[in-house]
Amino acid sequence: QVQLAESGGGLVQAGGSLRLSCAASGRIFSMYAMGWYRQAPGKQRELVAVITSGGSTSYVDSVQGRFTISRDNAKNTVYLQMNNLKPEDTAVYYCNGRRAALPDIWGQGTQVTVSS
C-alpha cells in the first residue's frame, strides 16, 4: 500500500515561489496518477493539478502557467512548483494518489500562506 507525505509549504510573499514535494512509500508509485488538491478556509477542496502514470498533466485554470506538476518515479516523489504566488493560493495543499479500482490515497497536507 502506498502512503504519502507532503513537505515544502510555508509563508511567502505575493509573487514568490514554493516547491511542494510528496514522497510516497511503496514500490508501485509509478502506477498511480498523482494530484495536488487544496482547501482554503470555508471552501471545498479543489483539484489543482494532476499527472498521470504516463506523465500527462492538467491544471485548474487559476494556476495554469504559474504551477507545474512533475514526478520522479525513481525517487517515488511528485512535485508542485508554484511560481508567481497570489494571496488566493493560500490553502492547505494535499497530495493524492489514484489508481483504478482502488481507494484514493491522501497525504496529511501542508500549509501554504501567501501574504499580500
PDB file of N, CA and C in Angstrom:
ATOM      1  N   GLN A   1       0.848  -1.194   0.000  1.00  0.00           N
ATOM      2  CA  GLN A   1       0.000   0.000   0.000  1.00  0.00           C
ATOM      3  C   GLN A   1       0.882   1.242   0.000  1.00  0.00           C
ATOM      4  N   VAL A   2       0.491   2.233  -0.805  1.00  0.00           N
ATOM      5  CA  VAL A   2       1.251   3.477  -0.901  1.00  0.00           C
ATOM      6  C   VAL A   2       0.802   4.438   0.193  1.00  0.00           C
ATOM      7  N   GLN A   3       1.752   5.086   0.839  1.00  0.00           N
ATOM      8  CA  GLN A   3       1.481   6.157   1.790  1.00  0.00           C
ATOM      9  C   GLN A   3       2.176   7.418   1.301  1.00  0.00           C
ATOM     10  N   LEU A   4       1.574   8.576   1.591  1.00  0.00           N
ATOM     11  CA  LEU A   4       2.048   9.851   1.060  1.00  0.00           C
ATOM     12  C   LEU A   4       2.387  10.820   2.185  1.00  0.00           C
ATOM     13  N   ALA A   5       3.450  11.611   1.976  1.00  0.00           N
ATOM     14  CA  ALA A   5       3.841  12.623   2.952  1.00  0.00           C
ATOM     15  C   ALA A   5       4.285  13.873   2.214  1.00  0.00           C
ATOM     16  N   GLU A   6       3.567  14.998   2.453  1.00  0.00           N
ATOM     17  CA  GLU A   6       3.892  16.258   1.796  1.00  0.00           C
ATOM     18  C   GLU A   6       4.902  17.049   2.611  1.00  0.00           C
ATOM     19  N   SER A   7       5.630  17.912   1.918  1.00  0.00           N
ATOM     20  CA  SER A   7       6.531  18.861   2.564  1.00  0.00           C
ATOM     21  C   SER A   7       6.715  20.051   1.639  1.00  0.00           C
ATOM     22  N   GLY A   8       7.277  21.125   2.189  1.00  0.00           N
ATOM     23  CA  GLY A   8       7.624  22.272   1.371  1.00  0.00           C
ATOM     24  C   GLY A   8       6.716  23.470   1.505  1.00  0.00           C
ATOM     25  N   GLY A   9       5.656  23.356   2.285  1.00  0.00           N
ATOM     26  CA  GLY A   9       4.796  24.508   2.482  1.00  0.00           C
ATOM     27  C   GLY A   9       5.461  25.566   3.327  1.00  0.00           C
ATOM     28  N   GLY A  10       4.809  26.720   3.416  1.00  0.00           N
ATOM     29  CA  GLY A  10       5.348  27.793   4.234  1.00  0.00           C
ATOM     30  C   GLY A  10       4.685  29.112   3.928  1.00  0.00           C
ATOM     31  N   LEU A  11       5.320  30.179   4.415  1.00  0.00           N
ATOM     32  CA  LEU A  11       4.834  31.545   4.226  1.00  0.00           C
ATOM     33  C   LEU A  11       5.704  32.232   3.184  1.00  0.00           C
ATOM     34  N   VAL A  12       5.055  32.847   2.205  1.00  0.00           N
ATOM     35  CA  VAL A  12       5.782  33.527   1.140  1.00  0.00           C
ATOM     36  C   VAL A  12       5.021  34.781   0.754  1.00  0.00           C
ATOM     37  N   GLN A  13       5.734  35.776   0.279  1.00  0.00           N
ATOM     38  CA  GLN A  13       5.087  36.998  -0.189  1.00  0.00           C
ATOM     39  C   GLN A  13       4.503  36.796  -1.584  1.00  0.00           C
ATOM     40  N   ALA A  14       3.504  37.575  -1.895  1.00  0.00           N
ATOM     41  CA  ALA A  14       2.915  37.519  -3.231  1.00  0.00           C
ATOM     42  C   ALA A  14       4.010  37.731  -4.281  1.00  0.00           C
ATOM     43  N   GLY A  15       3.933  36.932  -5.345  1.00  0.00           N
ATOM     44  CA  GLY A  15       4.951  36.967  -6.386  1.00  0.00           C
ATOM     45  C   GLY A  15       6.086  35.984  -6.173  1.00  0.00           C
ATOM     46  N   GLY A  16       6.130  35.394  -4.992  1.00  0.00           N
ATOM     47  CA  GLY A  16       7.192  34.457  -4.675  1.00  0.00           C
ATOM     48  C   GLY A  16       6.894  33.055  -5.174  1.00  0.00           C
ATOM     49  N   SER A  17       7.794  32.127  -4.817  1.00  0.00           N
ATOM     50  CA  SER A  17       7.695  30.744  -5.290  1.00  0.00           C
ATOM     51  C   SER A  17       7.873  29.770  -4.133  1.00  0.00           C
ATOM     52  N   LEU A  18       7.258  28.620  -4.279  1.00  0.00           N
ATOM     53  CA  LEU A  18       7.459  27.492  -3.384  1.00  0.00           C
ATOM     54  C   LEU A  18       7.432  26.213  -4.209  1.00  0.00           C
ATOM     55  N   ARG A  19       8.110  25.197  -3.721  1.00  0.00           N
ATOM     56  CA  ARG A  19       8.016  23.885  -4.340  1.00  0.00           C
ATOM     57  C   ARG A  19       7.560  22.875  -3.293  1.00  0.00           C
ATOM     58  N   LEU A  20       6.429  22.274  -3.549  1.00  0.00           N
ATOM     59  CA  LEU A  20       5.910  21.225  -2.680  1.00  0.00           C
ATOM     60  C   LEU A  20       6.403  19.870  -3.171  1.00  0.00           C
ATOM     61  N   SER A  21       6.673  18.999  -2.224  1.00  0.00           N
ATOM     62  CA  SER A  21       7.072  17.628  -2.535  1.00  0.00           C
ATOM     63  C   SER A  21       6.118  16.666  -1.859  1.00  0.00           C
ATOM     64  N   CYS A  22       5.914  15.550  -2.494  1.00  0.00           N
ATOM     65  CA  CYS A  22       5.077  14.488  -1.919  1.00  0.00           C
ATOM     66  C   CYS A  22       5.835  13.179  -2.105  1.00  0.00           C
ATOM     67  N   ALA A  23       6.324  12.654  -1.009  1.00  0.00           N
ATOM     68  CA  ALA A  23       7.094  11.415  -1.044  1.00  0.00           C
ATOM     69  C   ALA A  23       6.167  10.238  -0.780  1.00  0.00           C
ATOM     70  N   ALA A  24       6.291   9.225  -1.603  1.00  0.00           N
ATOM     71  CA  ALA A  24       5.430   8.045  -1.488  1.00  0.00           C
ATOM     72  C   ALA A  24       6.246   6.834  -1.073  1.00  0.00           C
ATOM     73  N   SER A  25       5.674   6.058  -0.197  1.00  0.00           N
ATOM     74  CA  SER A  25       6.263   4.768   0.149  1.00  0.00           C
ATOM     75  C   SER A  25       5.650   3.718  -0.763  1.00  0.00           C
ATOM     76  N   GLY A  26       6.273   2.573  -0.875  1.00  0.00           N
ATOM     77  CA  GLY A  26       5.701   1.523  -1.716  1.00  0.00           C
ATOM     78  C   GLY A  26       6.366   1.461  -3.073  1.00  0.00           C
ATOM     79  N   ARG A  27       6.309   0.282  -3.657  1.00  0.00           N
ATOM     80  CA  ARG A  27       7.033   0.057  -4.901  1.00  0.00           C
ATOM     81  C   ARG A  27       6.185   0.232  -6.140  1.00  0.00           C
ATOM     82  N   ILE A  28       4.913   0.618  -5.989  1.00  0.00           N
ATOM     83  CA  ILE A  28       4.049   0.719  -7.155  1.00  0.00           C
ATOM     84  C   ILE A  28       3.629   2.162  -7.407  1.00  0.00           C
ATOM     85  N   PHE A  29       4.410   3.114  -6.905  1.00  0.00           N
ATOM     86  CA  PHE A  29       4.105   4.531  -7.072  1.00  0.00           C
ATOM     87  C   PHE A  29       3.891   4.875  -8.531  1.00  0.00           C
ATOM     88  N   SER A  30       4.697   4.310  -9.421  1.00  0.00           N
ATOM     89  CA  SER A  30       4.645   4.687 -10.829  1.00  0.00           C
ATOM     90  C   SER A  30       3.304   4.339 -11.480  1.00  0.00           C
ATOM     91  N   MET A  31       2.535   3.475 -10.864  1.00  0.00           N
ATOM     92  CA  MET A  31       1.263   3.056 -11.444  1.00  0.00           C
ATOM     93  C   MET A  31       0.115   3.992 -11.060  1.00  0.00           C
ATOM     94  N   TYR A  32       0.390   4.941 -10.175  1.00  0.00           N
ATOM     95  CA  TYR A  32      -0.649   5.845  -9.701  1.00  0.00           C
ATOM     96  C   TYR A  32      -0.655   7.152 -10.479  1.00  0.00           C
ATOM     97  N   ALA A  33      -1.837   7.649 -10.773  1.00  0.00           N
ATOM     98  CA  ALA A  33      -1.993   9.047 -11.157  1.00  0.00           C
ATOM     99  C   ALA A  33      -1.889   9.866  -9.876  1.00  0.00           C
ATOM    100  N   MET A  34      -1.129  10.953  -9.926  1.00  0.00           N
ATOM    101  CA  MET A  34      -0.890  11.765  -8.733  1.00  0.00           C
ATOM    102  C   MET A  34      -1.464  13.165  -8.932  1.00  0.00           C
ATOM    103  N   GLY A  35      -2.049  13.681  -7.883  1.00  0.00           N
ATOM    104  CA  GLY A  35      -2.636  15.006  -7.979  1.00  0.00           C
ATOM    105  C   GLY A  35      -2.339  15.838  -6.757  1.00  0.00           C
ATOM    106  N   TRP A  36      -2.436  17.140  -6.933  1.00  0.00           N
ATOM    107  CA  TRP A  36      -2.387  18.087  -5.825  1.00  0.00           C
ATOM    108  C   TRP A  36      -3.741  18.763  -5.724  1.00  0.00           C
ATOM    109  N   TYR A  37      -4.296  18.744  -4.527  1.00  0.00           N
ATOM    110  CA  TYR A  37      -5.534  19.425  -4.205  1.00  0.00           C
ATOM    111  C   TYR A  37      -5.224  20.513  -3.180  1.00  0.00           C
ATOM    112  N   ARG A  38      -6.152  21.452  -3.046  1.00  0.00           N
ATOM    113  CA  ARG A  38      -6.000  22.446  -1.994  1.00  0.00           C
ATOM    114  C   ARG A  38      -7.361  22.776  -1.396  1.00  0.00           C
ATOM    115  N   GLN A  39      -7.320  23.198  -0.150  1.00  0.00           N
ATOM    116  CA  GLN A  39      -8.546  23.586   0.543  1.00  0.00           C
ATOM    117  C   GLN A  39      -8.284  24.829   1.366  1.00  0.00           C
ATOM    118  N   ALA A  40      -8.972  25.891   0.996  1.00  0.00           N
ATOM    119  CA  ALA A  40      -8.886  27.146   1.735  1.00  0.00           C
ATOM    120  C   ALA A  40      -9.965  27.163   2.813  1.00  0.00           C
ATOM    121  N   PRO A  41      -9.789  27.971   3.852  1.00  0.00           N
ATOM    122  CA  PRO A  41     -10.788  28.020   4.924  1.00  0.00           C
ATOM    123  C   PRO A  41     -12.172  28.356   4.383  1.00  0.00           C
ATOM    124  N   GLY A  42     -13.153  27.557   4.760  1.00  0.00           N
ATOM    125  CA  GLY A  42     -14.526  27.814   4.347  1.00  0.00           C
ATOM    126  C   GLY A  42     -14.854  27.408   2.925  1.00  0.00           C
ATOM    127  N   LYS A  43     -13.899  26.789   2.237  1.00  0.00           N
ATOM    128  CA  LYS A  43     -14.126  26.398   0.846  1.00  0.00           C
ATOM    129  C   LYS A  43     -13.966  24.899   0.671  1.00  0.00           C
ATOM    130  N   GLN A  44     -14.506  24.396  -0.417  1.00  0.00           N
ATOM    131  CA  GLN A  44     -14.366  22.986  -0.721  1.00  0.00           C
ATOM    132  C   GLN A  44     -12.966  22.691  -1.255  1.00  0.00           C
ATOM    133  N   ARG A  45     -12.558  21.457  -1.062  1.00  0.00           N
ATOM    134  CA  ARG A  45     -11.275  21.039  -1.613  1.00  0.00           C
ATOM    135  C   ARG A  45     -11.372  21.027  -3.134  1.00  0.00           C
ATOM    136  N   GLU A  46     -10.343  21.560  -3.799  1.00  0.00           N
ATOM    137  CA  GLU A  46     -10.358  21.614  -5.250  1.00  0.00           C
ATOM    138  C   GLU A  46      -9.093  20.983  -5.821  1.00  0.00           C
ATOM    139  N   LEU A  47      -9.255  20.395  -6.996  1.00  0.00           N
ATOM    140  CA  LEU A  47      -8.115  19.823  -7.699  1.00  0.00           C
ATOM    141  C   LEU A  47      -7.311  20.944  -8.342  1.00  0.00           C
ATOM    142  N   VAL A  48      -6.005  20.950  -8.094  1.00  0.00           N
ATOM    143  CA  VAL A  48      -5.128  21.978  -8.630  1.00  0.00           C
ATOM    144  C   VAL A  48      -4.403  21.477  -9.866  1.00  0.00           C
ATOM    145  N   ALA A  49      -3.832  20.283  -9.776  1.00  0.00           N
ATOM    146  CA  ALA A  49      -3.041  19.743 -10.881  1.00  0.00           C
ATOM    147  C   ALA A  49      -2.995  18.235 -10.747  1.00  0.00           C
ATOM    148  N   VAL A  50      -2.844  17.568 -11.891  1.00  0.00           N
ATOM    149  CA  VAL A  50      -2.750  16.117 -11.895  1.00  0.00           C
ATOM    150  C   VAL A  50      -1.730  15.684 -12.931  1.00  0.00           C
ATOM    151  N   ILE A  51      -1.042  14.600 -12.629  1.00  0.00           N
ATOM    152  CA  ILE A  51      -0.108  13.994 -13.581  1.00  0.00           C
ATOM    153  C   ILE A  51      -0.408  12.499 -13.613  1.00  0.00           C
ATOM    154  N   THR A  52      -0.607  11.983 -14.816  1.00  0.00           N
ATOM    155  CA  THR A  52      -0.946  10.576 -14.946  1.00  0.00           C
ATOM    156  C   THR A  52       0.299   9.702 -14.815  1.00  0.00           C
ATOM    157  N   SER A  53       0.077   8.406 -14.773  1.00  0.00           N
ATOM    158  CA  SER A  53       1.212   7.484 -14.714  1.00  0.00           C
ATOM    159  C   SER A  53       2.076   7.607 -15.968  1.00  0.00           C
ATOM    160  N   GLY A  54       1.479   8.054 -17.051  1.00  0.00           N
ATOM    161  CA  GLY A  54       2.221   8.242 -18.293  1.00  0.00           C
ATOM    162  C   GLY A  54       2.864   9.601 -18.443  1.00  0.00           C
ATOM    163  N   GLY A  55       2.610  10.500 -17.479  1.00  0.00           N
ATOM    164  CA  GLY A  55       3.252  11.806 -17.485  1.00  0.00           C
ATOM    165  C   GLY A  55       2.423  12.941 -18.062  1.00  0.00           C
ATOM    166  N   SER A  56       1.198  12.677 -18.470  1.00  0.00           N
ATOM    167  CA  SER A  56       0.341  13.760 -18.948  1.00  0.00           C
ATOM    168  C   SER A  56      -0.108  14.616 -17.771  1.00  0.00           C
ATOM    169  N   THR A  57      -0.202  15.926 -18.005  1.00  0.00           N
ATOM    170  CA  THR A  57      -0.541  16.854 -16.931  1.00  0.00           C
ATOM    171  C   THR A  57      -1.761  17.690 -17.295  1.00  0.00           C
ATOM    172  N   SER A  58      -2.459  18.142 -16.268  1.00  0.00           N
ATOM    173  CA  SER A  58      -3.544  19.098 -16.450  1.00  0.00           C
ATOM    174  C   SER A  58      -3.645  19.955 -15.204  1.00  0.00           C
ATOM    175  N   TYR A  59      -4.228  21.157 -15.363  1.00  0.00           N
ATOM    176  CA  TYR A  59      -4.262  22.154 -14.304  1.00  0.00           C
ATOM    177  C   TYR A  59      -5.620  22.841 -14.262  1.00  0.00           C
ATOM    178  N   VAL A  60      -5.979  23.290 -13.070  1.00  0.00           N
ATOM    179  CA  VAL A  60      -7.135  24.158 -12.965  1.00  0.00           C
ATOM    180  C   VAL A  60      -6.760  25.501 -13.589  1.00  0.00           C
ATOM    181  N   ASP A  61      -7.740  26.174 -14.170  1.00  0.00           N
ATOM    182  CA  ASP A  61      -7.458  27.399 -14.921  1.00  0.00           C
ATOM    183  C   ASP A  61      -6.723  28.446 -14.077  1.00  0.00           C
ATOM    184  N   SER A  62      -7.046  28.533 -12.811  1.00  0.00           N
ATOM    185  CA  SER A  62      -6.497  29.607 -11.969  1.00  0.00           C
ATOM    186  C   SER A  62      -4.992  29.483 -11.738  1.00  0.00           C
ATOM    187  N   VAL A  63      -4.406  28.318 -11.994  1.00  0.00           N
ATOM    188  CA  VAL A  63      -2.963  28.148 -11.773  1.00  0.00           C
ATOM    189  C   VAL A  63      -2.220  27.883 -13.075  1.00  0.00           C
ATOM    190  N   GLN A  64      -2.944  27.750 -14.177  1.00  0.00           N
ATOM    191  CA  GLN A  64      -2.317  27.469 -15.470  1.00  0.00           C
ATOM    192  C   GLN A  64      -1.261  28.531 -15.768  1.00  0.00           C
ATOM    193  N   GLY A  65      -0.069  28.070 -16.129  1.00  0.00           N
ATOM    194  CA  GLY A  65       1.021  28.990 -16.446  1.00  0.00           C
ATOM    195  C   GLY A  65       1.839  29.420 -15.250  1.00  0.00           C
ATOM    196  N   ARG A  66       1.367  29.139 -14.034  1.00  0.00           N
ATOM    197  CA  ARG A  66       2.104  29.508 -12.818  1.00  0.00           C
ATOM    198  C   ARG A  66       2.615  28.284 -12.062  1.00  0.00           C
ATOM    199  N   PHE A  67       1.864  27.212 -12.092  1.00  0.00           N
ATOM    200  CA  PHE A  67       2.213  25.989 -11.369  1.00  0.00           C
ATOM    201  C   PHE A  67       2.630  24.907 -12.358  1.00  0.00           C
ATOM    202  N   THR A  68       3.563  24.054 -11.918  1.00  0.00           N
ATOM    203  CA  THR A  68       3.996  22.920 -12.721  1.00  0.00           C
ATOM    204  C   THR A  68       4.054  21.677 -11.849  1.00  0.00           C
ATOM    205  N   ILE A  69       3.362  20.639 -12.271  1.00  0.00           N
ATOM    206  CA  ILE A  69       3.412  19.357 -11.566  1.00  0.00           C
ATOM    207  C   ILE A  69       4.375  18.440 -12.311  1.00  0.00           C
ATOM    208  N   SER A  70       5.147  17.680 -11.549  1.00  0.00           N
ATOM    209  CA  SER A  70       6.085  16.744 -12.159  1.00  0.00           C
ATOM    210  C   SER A  70       6.252  15.554 -11.213  1.00  0.00           C
ATOM    211  N   ARG A  71       6.833  14.491 -11.729  1.00  0.00           N
ATOM    212  CA  ARG A  71       7.048  13.316 -10.898  1.00  0.00           C
ATOM    213  C   ARG A  71       8.392  12.692 -11.238  1.00  0.00           C
ATOM    214  N   ASP A  72       8.998  12.089 -10.229  1.00  0.00           N
ATOM    215  CA  ASP A  72      10.234  11.362 -10.392  1.00  0.00           C
ATOM    216  C   ASP A  72       9.975   9.966  -9.844  1.00  0.00           C
ATOM    217  N   ASN A  73       9.692   9.034 -10.725  1.00  0.00           N
ATOM    218  CA  ASN A  73       9.333   7.684 -10.276  1.00  0.00           C
ATOM    219  C   ASN A  73      10.505   6.972  -9.601  1.00  0.00           C
ATOM    220  N   ALA A  74      11.720   7.330  -9.966  1.00  0.00           N
ATOM    221  CA  ALA A  74      12.887   6.711  -9.328  1.00  0.00           C
ATOM    222  C   ALA A  74      12.984   7.123  -7.863  1.00  0.00           C
ATOM    223  N   LYS A  75      12.473   8.320  -7.541  1.00  0.00           N
ATOM    224  CA  LYS A  75      12.502   8.815  -6.162  1.00  0.00           C
ATOM    225  C   LYS A  75      11.142   8.683  -5.481  1.00  0.00           C
ATOM    226  N   ASN A  76      10.163   8.115  -6.176  1.00  0.00           N
ATOM    227  CA  ASN A  76       8.810   7.969  -5.611  1.00  0.00           C
ATOM    228  C   ASN A  76       8.278   9.305  -5.110  1.00  0.00           C
ATOM    229  N   THR A  77       8.469  10.347  -5.902  1.00  0.00           N
ATOM    230  CA  THR A  77       8.117  11.690  -5.459  1.00  0.00           C
ATOM    231  C   THR A  77       7.396  12.456  -6.562  1.00  0.00           C
ATOM    232  N   VAL A  78       6.383  13.213  -6.157  1.00  0.00           N
ATOM    233  CA  VAL A  78       5.707  14.138  -7.067  1.00  0.00           C
ATOM    234  C   VAL A  78       5.906  15.542  -6.512  1.00  0.00           C
ATOM    235  N   TYR A  79       6.054  16.493  -7.421  1.00  0.00           N
ATOM    236  CA  TYR A  79       6.352  17.871  -7.049  1.00  0.00           C
ATOM    237  C   TYR A  79       5.273  18.816  -7.575  1.00  0.00           C
ATOM    238  N   LEU A  80       5.155  19.947  -6.901  1.00  0.00           N
ATOM    239  CA  LEU A  80       4.338  21.037  -7.417  1.00  0.00           C
ATOM    240  C   LEU A  80       5.168  22.314  -7.285  1.00  0.00           C
ATOM    241  N   GLN A  81       5.659  22.789  -8.406  1.00  0.00           N
ATOM    242  CA  GLN A  81       6.403  24.055  -8.435  1.00  0.00           C
ATOM    243  C   GLN A  81       5.386  25.176  -8.592  1.00  0.00           C
ATOM    244  N   MET A  82       5.382  26.096  -7.662  1.00  0.00           N
ATOM    245  CA  MET A  82       4.403  27.184  -7.654  1.00  0.00           C
ATOM    246  C   MET A  82       5.133  28.505  -7.771  1.00  0.00           C
ATOM    247  N   ASN A  83       4.900  29.197  -8.868  1.00  0.00           N
ATOM    248  CA  ASN A  83       5.532  30.486  -9.130  1.00  0.00           C
ATOM    249  C   ASN A  83       4.482  31.591  -9.153  1.00  0.00           C
ATOM    250  N   ASN A  84       4.946  32.821  -8.981  1.00  0.00           N
ATOM    251  CA  ASN A  84       4.057  33.988  -9.010  1.00  0.00           C
ATOM    252  C   ASN A  84       2.839  33.752  -8.108  1.00  0.00           C
ATOM    253  N   LEU A  85       3.102  33.371  -6.893  1.00  0.00           N
ATOM    254  CA  LEU A  85       2.016  33.048  -5.970  1.00  0.00           C
ATOM    255  C   LEU A  85       1.179  34.266  -5.635  1.00  0.00           C
ATOM    256  N   LYS A  86      -0.099  34.019  -5.432  1.00  0.00           N
ATOM    257  CA  LYS A  86      -1.054  35.068  -5.113  1.00  0.00           C
ATOM    258  C   LYS A  86      -1.708  34.772  -3.766  1.00  0.00           C
ATOM    259  N   PRO A  87      -2.216  35.788  -3.078  1.00  0.00           N
ATOM    260  CA  PRO A  87      -2.882  35.530  -1.794  1.00  0.00           C
ATOM    261  C   PRO A  87      -4.003  34.505  -1.906  1.00  0.00           C
ATOM    262  N   GLU A  88      -4.673  34.460  -3.038  1.00  0.00           N
ATOM    263  CA  GLU A  88      -5.763  33.488  -3.194  1.00  0.00           C
ATOM    264  C   GLU A  88      -5.270  32.043  -3.347  1.00  0.00           C
ATOM    265  N   ASP A  89      -3.957  31.855  -3.433  1.00  0.00           N
ATOM    266  CA  ASP A  89      -3.402  30.496  -3.433  1.00  0.00           C
ATOM    267  C   ASP A  89      -3.247  29.952  -2.010  1.00  0.00           C
ATOM    268  N   THR A  90      -3.489  30.788  -1.019  1.00  0.00           N
ATOM    269  CA  THR A  90      -3.370  30.354   0.367  1.00  0.00           C
ATOM    270  C   THR A  90      -4.354  29.223   0.658  1.00  0.00           C
ATOM    271  N   ALA A  91      -3.832  28.115   1.161  1.00  0.00           N
ATOM    272  CA  ALA A  91      -4.659  26.934   1.417  1.00  0.00           C
ATOM    273  C   ALA A  91      -3.780  25.846   2.022  1.00  0.00           C
ATOM    274  N   VAL A  92      -4.427  24.794   2.476  1.00  0.00           N
ATOM    275  CA  VAL A  92      -3.714  23.556   2.791  1.00  0.00           C
ATOM    276  C   VAL A  92      -3.681  22.736   1.508  1.00  0.00           C
ATOM    277  N   TYR A  93      -2.488  22.310   1.127  1.00  0.00           N
ATOM    278  CA  TYR A  93      -2.297  21.553  -0.096  1.00  0.00           C
ATOM    279  C   TYR A  93      -2.126  20.069   0.245  1.00  0.00           C
ATOM    280  N   TYR A  94      -2.882  19.241  -0.461  1.00  0.00           N
ATOM    281  CA  TYR A  94      -2.885  17.802  -0.216  1.00  0.00           C
ATOM    282  C   TYR A  94      -2.421  17.053  -1.457  1.00  0.00           C
ATOM    283  N   CYS A  95      -1.627  16.045  -1.226  1.00  0.00           N
ATOM    284  CA  CYS A  95      -1.201  15.138  -2.280  1.00  0.00           C
ATOM    285  C   CYS A  95      -2.189  13.980  -2.346  1.00  0.00           C
ATOM    286  N   ASN A  96      -2.487  13.541  -3.559  1.00  0.00           N
ATOM    287  CA  ASN A  96      -3.461  12.470  -3.768  1.00  0.00           C
ATOM    288  C   ASN A  96      -2.902  11.448  -4.747  1.00  0.00           C
ATOM    289  N   GLY A  97      -3.146  10.182  -4.458  1.00  0.00           N
ATOM    290  CA  GLY A  97      -2.783   9.115  -5.373  1.00  0.00           C
ATOM    291  C   GLY A  97      -4.026   8.342  -5.787  1.00  0.00           C
ATOM    292  N   ARG A  98      -4.120   8.073  -7.066  1.00  0.00           N
ATOM    293  CA  ARG A  98      -5.323   7.411  -7.577  1.00  0.00           C
ATOM    294  C   ARG A  98      -4.935   6.301  -8.544  1.00  0.00           C
ATOM    295  N   ARG A  99      -5.585   5.168  -8.360  1.00  0.00           N
ATOM    296  CA  ARG A  99      -5.379   4.040  -9.254  1.00  0.00           C
ATOM    297  C   ARG A  99      -6.701   3.327  -9.400  1.00  0.00           C
ATOM    298  N   ALA A 100      -7.016   2.928 -10.589  1.00  0.00           N
ATOM    299  CA  ALA A 100      -8.318   2.342 -10.901  1.00  0.00           C
ATOM    300  C   ALA A 100      -8.639   1.184  -9.959  1.00  0.00           C
ATOM    301  N   ALA A 101      -9.874   1.174  -9.480  1.00  0.00           N
ATOM    302  CA  ALA A 101     -10.426   0.097  -8.654  1.00  0.00           C
ATOM    303  C   ALA A 101      -9.835   0.041  -7.246  1.00  0.00           C
ATOM    304  N   LEU A 102      -9.057   1.080  -6.878  1.00  0.00           N
ATOM    305  CA  LEU A 102      -8.503   1.139  -5.525  1.00  0.00           C
ATOM    306  C   LEU A 102      -8.923   2.438  -4.851  1.00  0.00           C
ATOM    307  N   PRO A 103      -8.998   2.453  -3.529  1.00  0.00           N
ATOM    308  CA  PRO A 103      -9.342   3.704  -2.835  1.00  0.00           C
ATOM    309  C   PRO A 103      -8.271   4.763  -3.058  1.00  0.00           C
ATOM    310  N   ASP A 104      -8.695   6.013  -3.099  1.00  0.00           N
ATOM    311  CA  ASP A 104      -7.749   7.120  -3.177  1.00  0.00           C
ATOM    312  C   ASP A 104      -6.858   7.146  -1.938  1.00  0.00           C
ATOM    313  N   ILE A 105      -5.632   7.640  -2.127  1.00  0.00           N
ATOM    314  CA  ILE A 105      -4.682   7.789  -1.023  1.00  0.00           C
ATOM    315  C   ILE A 105      -4.402   9.271  -0.851  1.00  0.00           C
ATOM    316  N   TRP A 106      -4.359   9.724   0.406  1.00  0.00           N
ATOM    317  CA  TRP A 106      -4.152  11.144   0.705  1.00  0.00           C
ATOM    318  C   TRP A 106      -2.991  11.330   1.674  1.00  0.00           C
ATOM    319  N   GLY A 107      -2.271  12.436   1.478  1.00  0.00           N
ATOM    320  CA  GLY A 107      -1.295  12.841   2.465  1.00  0.00           C
ATOM    321  C   GLY A 107      -1.957  13.663   3.553  1.00  0.00           C
ATOM    322  N   GLN A 108      -1.155  14.121   4.518  1.00  0.00           N
ATOM    323  CA  GLN A 108      -1.681  14.839   5.669  1.00  0.00           C
ATOM    324  C   GLN A 108      -1.882  16.324   5.398  1.00  0.00           C
ATOM    325  N   GLY A 109      -1.316  16.829   4.324  1.00  0.00           N
ATOM    326  CA  GLY A 109      -1.475  18.231   3.958  1.00  0.00           C
ATOM    327  C   GLY A 109      -0.324  19.089   4.422  1.00  0.00           C
ATOM    328  N   THR A 110      -0.080  20.172   3.683  1.00  0.00           N
ATOM    329  CA  THR A 110       0.936  21.147   4.042  1.00  0.00           C
ATOM    330  C   THR A 110       0.378  22.545   3.791  1.00  0.00           C
ATOM    331  N   GLN A 111       0.603  23.443   4.743  1.00  0.00           N
ATOM    332  CA  GLN A 111       0.021  24.780   4.661  1.00  0.00           C
ATOM    333  C   GLN A 111       0.864  25.676   3.764  1.00  0.00           C
ATOM    334  N   VAL A 112       0.194  26.369   2.860  1.00  0.00           N
ATOM    335  CA  VAL A 112       0.811  27.410   2.039  1.00  0.00           C
ATOM    336  C   VAL A 112       0.090  28.715   2.335  1.00  0.00           C
ATOM    337  N   THR A 113       0.844  29.720   2.762  1.00  0.00           N
ATOM    338  CA  THR A 113       0.272  31.024   3.060  1.00  0.00           C
ATOM    339  C   THR A 113       0.993  32.075   2.234  1.00  0.00           C
ATOM    340  N   VAL A 114       0.228  32.845   1.465  1.00  0.00           N
ATOM    341  CA  VAL A 114       0.788  33.886   0.613  1.00  0.00           C
ATOM    342  C   VAL A 114       0.314  35.233   1.135  1.00  0.00           C
ATOM    343  N   SER A 115       1.255  36.060   1.539  1.00  0.00           N
ATOM    344  CA  SER A 115       0.913  37.374   2.082  1.00  0.00           C
ATOM    345  C   SER A 115       0.925  38.426   0.972  1.00  0.00           C
ATOM    346  N   SER A 116       0.071  39.405   1.117  1.00  0.00           N
ATOM    347  CA  SER A 116      -0.023  40.458   0.088  1.00  0.00           C
ATOM    348  C   SER A 116       0.902  41.616   0.396  1.00  0.00           C
TER     349      SER A 116
END
